[in-house]
Amino acid sequence: MVKRKCFICGTDMDEKIISTDIGWGEYRLTVNDAKAYVCPNCGEIIFSAEEVNKLQELGRSQSVLDNDK
């Protein structure tokens, strides 16, 4: 991962593995072991484009459950 500065407070962000909640429609998931940048000062969290794509794909996969009803 590349070094990033927090766009809210300007502090250098730390690379971390975190848990995050995602959802699509009425479905919610908790994803463990997501790679993220976390600001140690204000707590802002950002994800790389690759990680966002993976999280969105997981969320969208839940919409298939709606079609099976």
Protein backbone atom coordinates (compact mmCIF):
# COMPACT_ATOMS: atom_id res chain seq x y z
CA MET A 1 0.00 0.00 0.00
CA VAL A 2 1.04 3.58 -0.65
CA LYS A 3 1.50 6.15 2.13
CA ARG A 4 -1.51 8.44 2.46
CA LYS A 5 -2.36 11.58 4.38
CA CYS A 6 -5.77 11.99 5.96
CA PHE A 7 -7.83 14.39 3.87
CA ILE A 8 -9.68 15.54 7.01
CA CYS A 9 -6.80 16.41 9.38
CA GLY A 10 -3.61 15.92 7.31
CA THR A 11 -2.07 13.25 9.58
CA ASP A 12 -0.15 10.33 8.04
CA MET A 13 -2.50 7.34 7.88
CA ASP A 14 -1.59 3.85 9.09
CA GLU A 15 -2.10 0.72 7.01
CA LYS A 16 -4.27 -1.68 9.00
CA ILE A 17 -6.36 -4.80 8.70
CA ILE A 18 -9.84 -3.99 10.01
CA SER A 19 -13.41 -5.25 10.18
CA THR A 20 -16.04 -3.24 8.33
CA ASP A 21 -19.78 -3.45 7.76
CA ILE A 22 -21.10 -3.46 4.20
CA GLY A 23 -24.54 -3.90 2.76
CA TRP A 24 -26.68 -4.03 -0.29
CA GLY A 25 -30.39 -3.38 0.03
CA GLU A 26 -31.67 -4.92 3.24
CA TYR A 27 -28.65 -7.19 3.70
CA ARG A 28 -25.71 -6.34 5.97
CA LEU A 29 -22.37 -8.13 6.30
CA THR A 30 -19.36 -7.71 8.55
CA VAL A 31 -16.16 -8.26 6.62
CA ASN A 32 -13.07 -9.16 8.63
CA ASP A 33 -9.49 -8.69 7.42
CA ALA A 34 -10.17 -5.76 5.07
CA LYS A 35 -7.08 -3.70 4.20
CA ALA A 36 -7.55 -0.02 4.98
CA TYR A 37 -5.81 3.24 5.77
CA VAL A 38 -6.80 4.51 9.22
CA CYS A 39 -6.01 7.95 10.60
CA PRO A 40 -4.59 7.65 14.12
CA ASN A 41 -5.66 11.23 14.88
CA CYS A 42 -9.30 11.51 13.76
CA GLY A 43 -10.20 7.88 12.96
CA GLU A 44 -11.03 8.46 9.27
CA ILE A 45 -10.91 5.21 7.25
CA ILE A 46 -10.26 4.89 3.53
CA PHE A 47 -9.87 1.86 1.29
CA SER A 48 -7.87 1.34 -1.90
CA ALA A 49 -9.83 1.09 -5.16
CA GLU A 50 -9.06 -2.63 -5.29
CA GLU A 51 -10.40 -3.18 -1.78
CA VAL A 52 -13.54 -1.11 -2.53
CA ASN A 53 -14.21 -3.23 -5.62
CA LYS A 54 -13.96 -6.41 -3.55
CA LEU A 55 -16.28 -5.02 -0.87
CA GLN A 56 -18.82 -3.84 -3.46
CA GLU A 57 -18.75 -7.24 -5.17
CA LEU A 58 -19.48 -8.93 -1.83
CA GLY A 59 -22.34 -6.52 -1.16
CA ARG A 60 -23.83 -6.94 -4.64
CA SER A 61 -23.66 -10.72 -4.32
CA GLN A 62 -26.25 -10.39 -1.55
CA SER A 63 -28.74 -8.82 -3.98
CA VAL A 64 -28.94 -12.21 -5.72
CA LEU A 65 -30.72 -13.46 -2.60
CA ASP A 66 -33.57 -11.02 -3.35
CA ASN A 67 -34.05 -12.57 -6.79
CA ASP A 68 -34.34 -16.06 -5.31
CA LYS A 69 -37.35 -15.18 -3.14
